[in-house]
Amino acid sequence: YAIGWFRQAPGKDRDLVAAISWNNGGDTYYADSVKGRFSISR
């Protein structure tokens, strides 16, 4: 399965933070707000 991390702050929408494809992380995604600070792995 592809896995995503989302977050929701009080009073705000739930937004995607980072995601990773199923195939040993062949594809990843990061929101601009967390690029360079967050890292997703499996």
Full PDB file with SEQRES, HELIX, SHEET, SSBOND, CRYST1, ORIGX, SCALE, CONECT and MASTER records, all heavy atoms in Angstrom:
SEQRES   1 A   42  TYR ALA ILE GLY TRP PHE ARG GLN ALA PRO GLY LYS ASP          
SEQRES   2 A   42  ARG ASP LEU VAL ALA ALA ILE SER TRP ASN ASN GLY GLY          
SEQRES   3 A   42  ASP THR TYR TYR ALA ASP SER VAL LYS GLY ARG PHE SER          
SEQRES   4 A   42  ILE SER ARG                                                  
SHEET    1 AA1 3 ILE A   3  GLN A   8  0                                        
SHEET    2 AA1 3 ARG A  14  ILE A  20 -1                                        
SHEET    3 AA1 3 THR A  28  TYR A  30 -1                                        
CRYST1    1.000    1.000    1.000  90.00  90.00  90.00 P 1           1          
ORIGX1      1.000000  0.000000  0.000000        0.00000                         
ORIGX2      0.000000  1.000000  0.000000        0.00000                         
ORIGX3      0.000000  0.000000  1.000000        0.00000                         
SCALE1      1.000000  0.000000  0.000000        0.00000                         
SCALE2      0.000000  1.000000  0.000000        0.00000                         
SCALE3      0.000000  0.000000  1.000000        0.00000                         
ATOM      1  N   TYR A   1       0.831  -1.199   0.000  1.00  0.00           N  
ATOM      2  CA  TYR A   1       0.000   0.000   0.000  1.00  0.00           C  
ATOM      3  C   TYR A   1       0.868   1.252   0.000  1.00  0.00           C  
ATOM      4  O   TYR A   1       1.900   1.304   0.686  1.00  0.00           O  
ATOM      5  CB  TYR A   1      -0.876   0.058   1.245  1.00  0.00           C  
ATOM      6  CG  TYR A   1      -1.907  -1.034   1.390  1.00  0.00           C  
ATOM      7  CD1 TYR A   1      -2.645  -1.144   2.556  1.00  0.00           C  
ATOM      8  CD2 TYR A   1      -2.153  -1.951   0.373  1.00  0.00           C  
ATOM      9  CE1 TYR A   1      -3.598  -2.130   2.708  1.00  0.00           C  
ATOM     10  CE2 TYR A   1      -3.103  -2.941   0.527  1.00  0.00           C  
ATOM     11  CZ  TYR A   1      -3.821  -3.019   1.702  1.00  0.00           C  
ATOM     12  OH  TYR A   1      -4.762  -3.997   1.860  1.00  0.00           O  
ATOM     13  N   ALA A   2       0.454   2.255  -0.723  1.00  0.00           N  
ATOM     14  CA  ALA A   2       1.028   3.577  -0.532  1.00  0.00           C  
ATOM     15  C   ALA A   2       0.549   4.108   0.821  1.00  0.00           C  
ATOM     16  O   ALA A   2      -0.585   3.844   1.228  1.00  0.00           O  
ATOM     17  CB  ALA A   2       0.594   4.519  -1.652  1.00  0.00           C  
ATOM     18  N   ILE A   3       1.412   4.849   1.490  1.00  0.00           N  
ATOM     19  CA  ILE A   3       1.085   5.390   2.799  1.00  0.00           C  
ATOM     20  C   ILE A   3       1.282   6.897   2.786  1.00  0.00           C  
ATOM     21  O   ILE A   3       2.251   7.415   2.234  1.00  0.00           O  
ATOM     22  CB  ILE A   3       1.982   4.785   3.897  1.00  0.00           C  
ATOM     23  CG1 ILE A   3       1.816   3.267   3.949  1.00  0.00           C  
ATOM     24  CG2 ILE A   3       1.659   5.410   5.254  1.00  0.00           C  
ATOM     25  CD1 ILE A   3       0.441   2.780   4.380  1.00  0.00           C  
ATOM     26  N   GLY A   4       0.352   7.579   3.397  1.00  0.00           N  
ATOM     27  CA  GLY A   4       0.459   9.022   3.526  1.00  0.00           C  
ATOM     28  C   GLY A   4       0.370   9.451   4.980  1.00  0.00           C  
ATOM     29  O   GLY A   4      -0.283   8.791   5.789  1.00  0.00           O  
ATOM     30  N   TRP A   5       1.055  10.526   5.271  1.00  0.00           N  
ATOM     31  CA  TRP A   5       0.917  11.185   6.567  1.00  0.00           C  
ATOM     32  C   TRP A   5       0.184  12.509   6.342  1.00  0.00           C  
ATOM     33  O   TRP A   5       0.615  13.323   5.524  1.00  0.00           O  
ATOM     34  CB  TRP A   5       2.284  11.455   7.193  1.00  0.00           C  
ATOM     35  CG  TRP A   5       2.912  10.275   7.846  1.00  0.00           C  
ATOM     36  CD1 TRP A   5       3.881   9.460   7.319  1.00  0.00           C  
ATOM     37  CD2 TRP A   5       2.633   9.762   9.144  1.00  0.00           C  
ATOM     38  NE1 TRP A   5       4.212   8.474   8.206  1.00  0.00           N  
ATOM     39  CE2 TRP A   5       3.470   8.642   9.344  1.00  0.00           C  
ATOM     40  CE3 TRP A   5       1.777  10.141  10.179  1.00  0.00           C  
ATOM     41  CZ2 TRP A   5       3.455   7.887  10.525  1.00  0.00           C  
ATOM     42  CZ3 TRP A   5       1.764   9.401  11.348  1.00  0.00           C  
ATOM     43  CH2 TRP A   5       2.603   8.287  11.514  1.00  0.00           C  
ATOM     44  N   PHE A   6      -0.885  12.699   7.084  1.00  0.00           N  
ATOM     45  CA  PHE A   6      -1.674  13.923   7.035  1.00  0.00           C  
ATOM     46  C   PHE A   6      -1.613  14.597   8.405  1.00  0.00           C  
ATOM     47  O   PHE A   6      -1.280  13.964   9.407  1.00  0.00           O  
ATOM     48  CB  PHE A   6      -3.136  13.594   6.707  1.00  0.00           C  
ATOM     49  CG  PHE A   6      -3.359  13.053   5.330  1.00  0.00           C  
ATOM     50  CD1 PHE A   6      -3.082  11.721   5.031  1.00  0.00           C  
ATOM     51  CD2 PHE A   6      -3.858  13.853   4.323  1.00  0.00           C  
ATOM     52  CE1 PHE A   6      -3.291  11.205   3.757  1.00  0.00           C  
ATOM     53  CE2 PHE A   6      -4.074  13.356   3.050  1.00  0.00           C  
ATOM     54  CZ  PHE A   6      -3.792  12.035   2.770  1.00  0.00           C  
ATOM     55  N   ARG A   7      -1.982  15.857   8.426  1.00  0.00           N  
ATOM     56  CA  ARG A   7      -2.105  16.526   9.713  1.00  0.00           C  
ATOM     57  C   ARG A   7      -3.261  17.497   9.685  1.00  0.00           C  
ATOM     58  O   ARG A   7      -3.635  18.025   8.635  1.00  0.00           O  
ATOM     59  CB  ARG A   7      -0.816  17.258  10.092  1.00  0.00           C  
ATOM     60  CG  ARG A   7      -0.474  18.455   9.227  1.00  0.00           C  
ATOM     61  CD  ARG A   7       0.902  19.008   9.627  1.00  0.00           C  
ATOM     62  NE  ARG A   7       1.278  20.175   8.837  1.00  0.00           N  
ATOM     63  CZ  ARG A   7       2.478  20.743   8.889  1.00  0.00           C  
ATOM     64  NH1 ARG A   7       3.424  20.251   9.707  1.00  0.00           N  
ATOM     65  NH2 ARG A   7       2.753  21.798   8.145  1.00  0.00           N  
ATOM     66  N   GLN A   8      -3.825  17.708  10.862  1.00  0.00           N  
ATOM     67  CA  GLN A   8      -4.942  18.637  11.004  1.00  0.00           C  
ATOM     68  C   GLN A   8      -4.765  19.443  12.271  1.00  0.00           C  
ATOM     69  O   GLN A   8      -4.742  18.883  13.371  1.00  0.00           O  
ATOM     70  CB  GLN A   8      -6.275  17.889  11.027  1.00  0.00           C  
ATOM     71  CG  GLN A   8      -7.479  18.802  11.011  1.00  0.00           C  
ATOM     72  CD  GLN A   8      -8.771  18.051  10.754  1.00  0.00           C  
ATOM     73  OE1 GLN A   8      -8.887  16.862  11.025  1.00  0.00           O  
ATOM     74  NE2 GLN A   8      -9.762  18.750  10.218  1.00  0.00           N  
ATOM     75  N   ALA A   9      -4.642  20.735  12.088  1.00  0.00           N  
ATOM     76  CA  ALA A   9      -4.563  21.664  13.210  1.00  0.00           C  
ATOM     77  C   ALA A   9      -5.969  22.131  13.564  1.00  0.00           C  
ATOM     78  O   ALA A   9      -6.871  22.084  12.716  1.00  0.00           O  
ATOM     79  CB  ALA A   9      -3.667  22.843  12.846  1.00  0.00           C  
ATOM     80  N   PRO A  10      -6.189  22.590  14.787  1.00  0.00           N  
ATOM     81  CA  PRO A  10      -7.530  23.053  15.188  1.00  0.00           C  
ATOM     82  C   PRO A  10      -8.065  24.125  14.255  1.00  0.00           C  
ATOM     83  O   PRO A  10      -7.365  25.099  13.937  1.00  0.00           O  
ATOM     84  CB  PRO A  10      -7.292  23.603  16.597  1.00  0.00           C  
ATOM     85  CG  PRO A  10      -6.122  22.849  17.109  1.00  0.00           C  
ATOM     86  CD  PRO A  10      -5.239  22.640  15.912  1.00  0.00           C  
ATOM     87  N   GLY A  11      -9.274  23.914  13.790  1.00  0.00           N  
ATOM     88  CA  GLY A  11      -9.911  24.897  12.929  1.00  0.00           C  
ATOM     89  C   GLY A  11      -9.429  24.907  11.499  1.00  0.00           C  
ATOM     90  O   GLY A  11      -9.834  25.775  10.710  1.00  0.00           O  
ATOM     91  N   LYS A  12      -8.585  23.947  11.139  1.00  0.00           N  
ATOM     92  CA  LYS A  12      -8.040  23.909   9.780  1.00  0.00           C  
ATOM     93  C   LYS A  12      -8.374  22.585   9.103  1.00  0.00           C  
ATOM     94  O   LYS A  12      -8.756  21.618   9.753  1.00  0.00           O  
ATOM     95  CB  LYS A  12      -6.529  24.125   9.808  1.00  0.00           C  
ATOM     96  CG  LYS A  12      -6.119  25.503  10.309  1.00  0.00           C  
ATOM     97  CD  LYS A  12      -4.644  25.744  10.115  1.00  0.00           C  
ATOM     98  CE  LYS A  12      -4.257  27.150  10.538  1.00  0.00           C  
ATOM     99  NZ  LYS A  12      -2.815  27.420  10.350  1.00  0.00           N  
ATOM    100  N   ASP A  13      -8.208  22.575   7.798  1.00  0.00           N  
ATOM    101  CA  ASP A  13      -8.435  21.348   7.042  1.00  0.00           C  
ATOM    102  C   ASP A  13      -7.321  20.339   7.293  1.00  0.00           C  
ATOM    103  O   ASP A  13      -6.214  20.701   7.693  1.00  0.00           O  
ATOM    104  CB  ASP A  13      -8.497  21.652   5.548  1.00  0.00           C  
ATOM    105  CG  ASP A  13      -9.700  22.498   5.170  1.00  0.00           C  
ATOM    106  OD1 ASP A  13     -10.704  22.451   5.907  1.00  0.00           O  
ATOM    107  OD2 ASP A  13      -9.628  23.194   4.131  1.00  0.00           O  
ATOM    108  N   ARG A  14      -7.626  19.096   7.018  1.00  0.00           N  
ATOM    109  CA  ARG A  14      -6.606  18.055   7.072  1.00  0.00           C  
ATOM    110  C   ARG A  14      -5.812  18.078   5.776  1.00  0.00           C  
ATOM    111  O   ARG A  14      -6.402  18.016   4.684  1.00  0.00           O  
ATOM    112  CB  ARG A  14      -7.244  16.688   7.276  1.00  0.00           C  
ATOM    113  CG  ARG A  14      -6.246  15.569   7.473  1.00  0.00           C  
ATOM    114  CD  ARG A  14      -6.956  14.316   7.961  1.00  0.00           C  
ATOM    115  NE  ARG A  14      -7.968  13.858   7.020  1.00  0.00           N  
ATOM    116  CZ  ARG A  14      -8.812  12.857   7.283  1.00  0.00           C  
ATOM    117  NH1 ARG A  14      -8.756  12.226   8.454  1.00  0.00           N  
ATOM    118  NH2 ARG A  14      -9.691  12.492   6.373  1.00  0.00           N  
ATOM    119  N   ASP A  15      -4.505  18.182   5.888  1.00  0.00           N  
ATOM    120  CA  ASP A  15      -3.635  18.324   4.724  1.00  0.00           C  
ATOM    121  C   ASP A  15      -2.606  17.208   4.666  1.00  0.00           C  
ATOM    122  O   ASP A  15      -2.141  16.706   5.692  1.00  0.00           O  
ATOM    123  CB  ASP A  15      -2.889  19.664   4.767  1.00  0.00           C  
ATOM    124  CG  ASP A  15      -3.814  20.845   4.644  1.00  0.00           C  
ATOM    125  OD1 ASP A  15      -4.782  20.767   3.860  1.00  0.00           O  
ATOM    126  OD2 ASP A  15      -3.570  21.849   5.336  1.00  0.00           O  
ATOM    127  N   LEU A  16      -2.227  16.869   3.460  1.00  0.00           N  
ATOM    128  CA  LEU A  16      -1.182  15.879   3.250  1.00  0.00           C  
ATOM    129  C   LEU A  16       0.168  16.487   3.564  1.00  0.00           C  
ATOM    130  O   LEU A  16       0.503  17.570   3.091  1.00  0.00           O  
ATOM    131  CB  LEU A  16      -1.211  15.375   1.810  1.00  0.00           C  
ATOM    132  CG  LEU A  16      -0.151  14.341   1.430  1.00  0.00           C  
ATOM    133  CD1 LEU A  16      -0.350  13.046   2.213  1.00  0.00           C  
ATOM    134  CD2 LEU A  16      -0.198  14.070  -0.072  1.00  0.00           C  
ATOM    135  N   VAL A  17       0.952  15.778   4.351  1.00  0.00           N  
ATOM    136  CA  VAL A  17       2.291  16.232   4.711  1.00  0.00           C  
ATOM    137  C   VAL A  17       3.345  15.507   3.871  1.00  0.00           C  
ATOM    138  O   VAL A  17       4.248  16.129   3.320  1.00  0.00           O  
ATOM    139  CB  VAL A  17       2.546  15.973   6.211  1.00  0.00           C  
ATOM    140  CG1 VAL A  17       3.996  16.278   6.568  1.00  0.00           C  
ATOM    141  CG2 VAL A  17       1.594  16.781   7.066  1.00  0.00           C  
ATOM    142  N   ALA A  18       3.209  14.190   3.797  1.00  0.00           N  
ATOM    143  CA  ALA A  18       4.181  13.385   3.057  1.00  0.00           C  
ATOM    144  C   ALA A  18       3.520  12.069   2.662  1.00  0.00           C  
ATOM    145  O   ALA A  18       2.574  11.621   3.311  1.00  0.00           O  
ATOM    146  CB  ALA A  18       5.426  13.103   3.901  1.00  0.00           C  
ATOM    147  N   ALA A  19       4.020  11.474   1.603  1.00  0.00           N  
ATOM    148  CA  ALA A  19       3.489  10.197   1.139  1.00  0.00           C  
ATOM    149  C   ALA A  19       4.602   9.388   0.511  1.00  0.00           C  
ATOM    150  O   ALA A  19       5.598   9.936   0.028  1.00  0.00           O  
ATOM    151  CB  ALA A  19       2.346  10.410   0.145  1.00  0.00           C  
ATOM    152  N   ILE A  20       4.400   8.064   0.517  1.00  0.00           N  
ATOM    153  CA  ILE A  20       5.411   7.164  -0.024  1.00  0.00           C  
ATOM    154  C   ILE A  20       4.725   6.030  -0.757  1.00  0.00           C  
ATOM    155  O   ILE A  20       3.696   5.515  -0.311  1.00  0.00           O  
ATOM    156  CB  ILE A  20       6.322   6.644   1.109  1.00  0.00           C  
ATOM    157  CG1 ILE A  20       7.524   5.881   0.556  1.00  0.00           C  
ATOM    158  CG2 ILE A  20       5.546   5.803   2.112  1.00  0.00           C  
ATOM    159  CD1 ILE A  20       8.608   5.633   1.606  1.00  0.00           C  
ATOM    160  N   SER A  21       5.280   5.654  -1.898  1.00  0.00           N  
ATOM    161  CA  SER A  21       4.697   4.557  -2.669  1.00  0.00           C  
ATOM    162  C   SER A  21       4.998   3.217  -2.009  1.00  0.00           C  
ATOM    163  O   SER A  21       5.828   3.117  -1.109  1.00  0.00           O  
ATOM    164  CB  SER A  21       5.244   4.573  -4.100  1.00  0.00           C  
ATOM    165  OG  SER A  21       6.654   4.427  -4.077  1.00  0.00           O  
ATOM    166  N   TRP A  22       4.328   2.183  -2.495  1.00  0.00           N  
ATOM    167  CA  TRP A  22       4.451   0.876  -1.861  1.00  0.00           C  
ATOM    168  C   TRP A  22       5.776   0.211  -2.152  1.00  0.00           C  
ATOM    169  O   TRP A  22       6.288  -0.533  -1.327  1.00  0.00           O  
ATOM    170  CB  TRP A  22       3.324  -0.038  -2.327  1.00  0.00           C  
ATOM    171  CG  TRP A  22       3.456  -0.487  -3.757  1.00  0.00           C  
ATOM    172  CD1 TRP A  22       3.000   0.158  -4.869  1.00  0.00           C  
ATOM    173  CD2 TRP A  22       4.120  -1.658  -4.225  1.00  0.00           C  
ATOM    174  NE1 TRP A  22       3.330  -0.536  -6.002  1.00  0.00           N  
ATOM    175  CE2 TRP A  22       4.019  -1.658  -5.639  1.00  0.00           C  
ATOM    176  CE3 TRP A  22       4.779  -2.719  -3.605  1.00  0.00           C  
ATOM    177  CZ2 TRP A  22       4.553  -2.674  -6.434  1.00  0.00           C  
ATOM    178  CZ3 TRP A  22       5.313  -3.736  -4.386  1.00  0.00           C  
ATOM    179  CH2 TRP A  22       5.199  -3.697  -5.793  1.00  0.00           C  
ATOM    180  N   ASN A  23       6.355   0.464  -3.308  1.00  0.00           N  
ATOM    181  CA  ASN A  23       7.512  -0.289  -3.802  1.00  0.00           C  
ATOM    182  C   ASN A  23       8.816   0.228  -3.206  1.00  0.00           C  
ATOM    183  O   ASN A  23       9.634   0.843  -3.887  1.00  0.00           O  
ATOM    184  CB  ASN A  23       7.557  -0.252  -5.333  1.00  0.00           C  
ATOM    185  CG  ASN A  23       7.418   1.150  -5.883  1.00  0.00           C  
ATOM    186  OD1 ASN A  23       7.068   2.083  -5.174  1.00  0.00           O  
ATOM    187  ND2 ASN A  23       7.713   1.331  -7.156  1.00  0.00           N  
ATOM    188  N   ASN A  24       8.981  -0.055  -1.899  1.00  0.00           N  
ATOM    189  CA  ASN A  24      10.178   0.381  -1.173  1.00  0.00           C  
ATOM    190  C   ASN A  24      10.452   1.867  -1.339  1.00  0.00           C  
ATOM    191  O   ASN A  24      11.601   2.293  -1.399  1.00  0.00           O  
ATOM    192  CB  ASN A  24      11.399  -0.429  -1.610  1.00  0.00           C  
ATOM    193  CG  ASN A  24      11.348  -1.853  -1.096  1.00  0.00           C  
ATOM    194  OD1 ASN A  24      10.953  -2.092   0.047  1.00  0.00           O  
ATOM    195  ND2 ASN A  24      11.730  -2.791  -1.937  1.00  0.00           N  
ATOM    196  N   GLY A  25       9.381   2.640  -1.404  1.00  0.00           N  
ATOM    197  CA  GLY A  25       9.553   4.080  -1.450  1.00  0.00           C  
ATOM    198  C   GLY A  25      10.099   4.603  -2.759  1.00  0.00           C  
ATOM    199  O   GLY A  25      10.821   5.604  -2.773  1.00  0.00           O  
ATOM    200  N   GLY A  26       9.738   3.958  -3.866  1.00  0.00           N  
ATOM    201  CA  GLY A  26      10.226   4.426  -5.149  1.00  0.00           C  
ATOM    202  C   GLY A  26       9.785   5.828  -5.493  1.00  0.00           C  
ATOM    203  O   GLY A  26      10.425   6.517  -6.279  1.00  0.00           O  
ATOM    204  N   ASP A  27       8.670   6.255  -4.906  1.00  0.00           N  
ATOM    205  CA  ASP A  27       8.157   7.604  -5.137  1.00  0.00           C  
ATOM    206  C   ASP A  27       7.763   8.205  -3.794  1.00  0.00           C  
ATOM    207  O   ASP A  27       7.141   7.528  -2.979  1.00  0.00           O  
ATOM    208  CB  ASP A  27       6.945   7.549  -6.074  1.00  0.00           C  
ATOM    209  CG  ASP A  27       6.426   8.923  -6.435  1.00  0.00           C  
ATOM    210  OD1 ASP A  27       7.253   9.836  -6.606  1.00  0.00           O  
ATOM    211  OD2 ASP A  27       5.190   9.095  -6.538  1.00  0.00           O  
ATOM    212  N   THR A  28       8.135   9.439  -3.582  1.00  0.00           N  
ATOM    213  CA  THR A  28       7.746  10.136  -2.363  1.00  0.00           C  
ATOM    214  C   THR A  28       7.210  11.518  -2.706  1.00  0.00           C  
ATOM    215  O   THR A  28       7.488  12.063  -3.788  1.00  0.00           O  
ATOM    216  CB  THR A  28       8.919  10.294  -1.375  1.00  0.00           C  
ATOM    217  OG1 THR A  28       9.994  10.992  -2.036  1.00  0.00           O  
ATOM    218  CG2 THR A  28       9.406   8.955  -0.869  1.00  0.00           C  
ATOM    219  N   TYR A  29       6.446  12.050  -1.787  1.00  0.00           N  
ATOM    220  CA  TYR A  29       5.878  13.400  -1.927  1.00  0.00           C  
ATOM    221  C   TYR A  29       6.027  14.111  -0.590  1.00  0.00           C  
ATOM    222  O   TYR A  29       5.867  13.507   0.471  1.00  0.00           O  
ATOM    223  CB  TYR A  29       4.400  13.314  -2.306  1.00  0.00           C  
ATOM    224  CG  TYR A  29       3.677  14.632  -2.106  1.00  0.00           C  
ATOM    225  CD1 TYR A  29       3.644  15.587  -3.110  1.00  0.00           C  
ATOM    226  CD2 TYR A  29       3.069  14.932  -0.890  1.00  0.00           C  
ATOM    227  CE1 TYR A  29       3.011  16.803  -2.915  1.00  0.00           C  
ATOM    228  CE2 TYR A  29       2.435  16.149  -0.685  1.00  0.00           C  
ATOM    229  CZ  TYR A  29       2.411  17.080  -1.701  1.00  0.00           C  
ATOM    230  OH  TYR A  29       1.802  18.284  -1.489  1.00  0.00           O  
ATOM    231  N   TYR A  30       6.324  15.412  -0.660  1.00  0.00           N  
ATOM    232  CA  TYR A  30       6.373  16.254   0.529  1.00  0.00           C  
ATOM    233  C   TYR A  30       5.650  17.563   0.249  1.00  0.00           C  
ATOM    234  O   TYR A  30       5.820  18.162  -0.826  1.00  0.00           O  
ATOM    235  CB  TYR A  30       7.812  16.565   0.939  1.00  0.00           C  
ATOM    236  CG  TYR A  30       8.594  15.355   1.384  1.00  0.00           C  
ATOM    237  CD1 TYR A  30       9.405  14.670   0.494  1.00  0.00           C  
ATOM    238  CD2 TYR A  30       8.493  14.886   2.686  1.00  0.00           C  
ATOM    239  CE1 TYR A  30      10.115  13.548   0.884  1.00  0.00           C  
ATOM    240  CE2 TYR A  30       9.200  13.762   3.094  1.00  0.00           C  
ATOM    241  CZ  TYR A  30      10.004  13.105   2.189  1.00  0.00           C  
ATOM    242  OH  TYR A  30      10.707  11.984   2.587  1.00  0.00           O  
ATOM    243  N   ALA A  31       4.894  18.011   1.223  1.00  0.00           N  
ATOM    244  CA  ALA A  31       4.315  19.348   1.131  1.00  0.00           C  
ATOM    245  C   ALA A  31       5.448  20.373   1.194  1.00  0.00           C  
ATOM    246  O   ALA A  31       6.474  20.141   1.852  1.00  0.00           O  
ATOM    247  CB  ALA A  31       3.334  19.566   2.273  1.00  0.00           C  
ATOM    248  N   ASP A  32       5.258  21.480   0.539  1.00  0.00           N  
ATOM    249  CA  ASP A  32       6.302  22.510   0.508  1.00  0.00           C  
ATOM    250  C   ASP A  32       6.702  22.951   1.917  1.00  0.00           C  
ATOM    251  O   ASP A  32       7.867  23.257   2.175  1.00  0.00           O  
ATOM    252  CB  ASP A  32       5.826  23.719  -0.289  1.00  0.00           C  
ATOM    253  CG  ASP A  32       5.774  23.448  -1.776  1.00  0.00           C  
ATOM    254  OD1 ASP A  32       6.404  22.475  -2.235  1.00  0.00           O  
ATOM    255  OD2 ASP A  32       5.098  24.217  -2.491  1.00  0.00           O  
ATOM    256  N   SER A  33       5.735  22.967   2.808  1.00  0.00           N  
ATOM    257  CA  SER A  33       5.981  23.470   4.160  1.00  0.00           C  
ATOM    258  C   SER A  33       6.918  22.581   4.971  1.00  0.00           C  
ATOM    259  O   SER A  33       7.454  23.016   5.997  1.00  0.00           O  
ATOM    260  CB  SER A  33       4.662  23.641   4.902  1.00  0.00           C  
ATOM    261  OG  SER A  33       3.987  22.405   4.987  1.00  0.00           O  
ATOM    262  N   VAL A  34       7.126  21.339   4.525  1.00  0.00           N  
ATOM    263  CA  VAL A  34       7.965  20.424   5.308  1.00  0.00           C  
ATOM    264  C   VAL A  34       9.188  19.931   4.544  1.00  0.00           C  
ATOM    265  O   VAL A  34      10.015  19.200   5.106  1.00  0.00           O  
ATOM    266  CB  VAL A  34       7.150  19.210   5.817  1.00  0.00           C  
ATOM    267  CG1 VAL A  34       5.927  19.678   6.597  1.00  0.00           C  
ATOM    268  CG2 VAL A  34       6.752  18.293   4.669  1.00  0.00           C  
ATOM    269  N   LYS A  35       9.320  20.328   3.303  1.00  0.00           N  
ATOM    270  CA  LYS A  35      10.475  19.879   2.510  1.00  0.00           C  
ATOM    271  C   LYS A  35      11.773  20.282   3.173  1.00  0.00           C  
ATOM    272  O   LYS A  35      11.939  21.410   3.618  1.00  0.00           O  
ATOM    273  CB  LYS A  35      10.405  20.471   1.100  1.00  0.00           C  
ATOM    274  CG  LYS A  35       9.445  19.757   0.185  1.00  0.00           C  
ATOM    275  CD  LYS A  35       9.446  20.380  -1.215  1.00  0.00           C  
ATOM    276  CE  LYS A  35       8.467  19.677  -2.130  1.00  0.00           C  
ATOM    277  NZ  LYS A  35       8.387  20.324  -3.458  1.00  0.00           N  
ATOM    278  N   GLY A  36      12.695  19.331   3.235  1.00  0.00           N  
ATOM    279  CA  GLY A  36      13.985  19.590   3.852  1.00  0.00           C  
ATOM    280  C   GLY A  36      13.994  19.391   5.360  1.00  0.00           C  
ATOM    281  O   GLY A  36      15.061  19.377   5.971  1.00  0.00           O  
ATOM    282  N   ARG A  37      12.808  19.238   5.960  1.00  0.00           N  
ATOM    283  CA  ARG A  37      12.724  19.042   7.409  1.00  0.00           C  
ATOM    284  C   ARG A  37      12.154  17.668   7.777  1.00  0.00           C  
ATOM    285  O   ARG A  37      12.571  17.077   8.775  1.00  0.00           O  
ATOM    286  CB  ARG A  37      11.838  20.123   8.040  1.00  0.00           C  
ATOM    287  CG  ARG A  37      12.347  21.534   7.834  1.00  0.00           C  
ATOM    288  CD  ARG A  37      11.549  22.529   8.666  1.00  0.00           C  
ATOM    289  NE  ARG A  37      10.133  22.563   8.301  1.00  0.00           N  
ATOM    290  CZ  ARG A  37       9.131  22.324   9.151  1.00  0.00           C  
ATOM    291  NH1 ARG A  37       9.381  22.036  10.402  1.00  0.00           N  
ATOM    292  NH2 ARG A  37       7.876  22.397   8.729  1.00  0.00           N  
ATOM    293  N   PHE A  38      11.212  17.186   6.990  1.00  0.00           N  
ATOM    294  CA  PHE A  38      10.563  15.905   7.256  1.00  0.00           C  
ATOM    295  C   PHE A  38      11.050  14.864   6.248  1.00  0.00           C  
ATOM    296  O   PHE A  38      11.371  15.193   5.101  1.00  0.00           O  
ATOM    297  CB  PHE A  38       9.044  16.025   7.137  1.00  0.00           C  
ATOM    298  CG  PHE A  38       8.372  16.818   8.224  1.00  0.00           C  
ATOM    299  CD1 PHE A  38       9.093  17.599   9.123  1.00  0.00           C  
ATOM    300  CD2 PHE A  38       6.997  16.763   8.359  1.00  0.00           C  
ATOM    301  CE1 PHE A  38       8.467  18.319  10.108  1.00  0.00           C  
ATOM    302  CE2 PHE A  38       6.338  17.477   9.347  1.00  0.00           C  
ATOM    303  CZ  PHE A  38       7.079  18.266  10.216  1.00  0.00           C  
ATOM    304  N   SER A  39      11.053  13.619   6.696  1.00  0.00           N  
ATOM    305  CA  SER A  39      11.443  12.528   5.820  1.00  0.00           C  
ATOM    306  C   SER A  39      10.553  11.318   6.080  1.00  0.00           C  
ATOM    307  O   SER A  39      10.381  10.906   7.229  1.00  0.00           O  
ATOM    308  CB  SER A  39      12.906  12.153   6.062  1.00  0.00           C  
ATOM    309  OG  SER A  39      13.279  11.058   5.256  1.00  0.00           O  
ATOM    310  N   ILE A  40       9.987  10.780   5.009  1.00  0.00           N  
ATOM    311  CA  ILE A  40       9.132   9.608   5.126  1.00  0.00           C  
ATOM    312  C   ILE A  40       9.907   8.390   4.640  1.00  0.00           C  
ATOM    313  O   ILE A  40      10.653   8.465   3.653  1.00  0.00           O  
ATOM    314  CB  ILE A  40       7.812   9.798   4.327  1.00  0.00           C  
ATOM    315  CG1 ILE A  40       6.829   8.673   4.644  1.00  0.00           C  
ATOM    316  CG2 ILE A  40       8.083   9.921   2.836  1.00  0.00           C  
ATOM    317  CD1 ILE A  40       5.422   8.934   4.081  1.00  0.00           C  
ATOM    318  N   SER A  41       9.736   7.284   5.339  1.00  0.00           N  
ATOM    319  CA  SER A  41      10.411   6.049   4.954  1.00  0.00           C  
ATOM    320  C   SER A  41       9.561   4.867   5.389  1.00  0.00           C  
ATOM    321  O   SER A  41       8.618   5.035   6.167  1.00  0.00           O  
ATOM    322  CB  SER A  41      11.808   5.970   5.594  1.00  0.00           C  
ATOM    323  OG  SER A  41      11.713   5.950   7.012  1.00  0.00           O  
ATOM    324  N   ARG A  42       9.900   3.707   4.878  1.00  0.00           N  
ATOM    325  CA  ARG A  42       9.140   2.531   5.262  1.00  0.00           C  
ATOM    326  C   ARG A  42      10.064   1.348   5.439  1.00  0.00           C  
ATOM    327  O   ARG A  42      11.097   1.230   4.771  1.00  0.00           O  
ATOM    328  CB  ARG A  42       8.044   2.230   4.239  1.00  0.00           C  
ATOM    329  CG  ARG A  42       8.493   1.832   2.870  1.00  0.00           C  
ATOM    330  CD  ARG A  42       7.294   1.822   1.896  1.00  0.00           C  
ATOM    331  NE  ARG A  42       6.228   0.956   2.393  1.00  0.00           N  
ATOM    332  CZ  ARG A  42       4.945   1.091   2.038  1.00  0.00           C  
ATOM    333  NH1 ARG A  42       4.578   2.041   1.200  1.00  0.00           N  
ATOM    334  NH2 ARG A  42       4.040   0.265   2.510  1.00  0.00           N  
TER     335      ARG A  42                                                      
MASTER        0    0    0    0    3    0    0    6  334    1    0    4          
END                                                                             
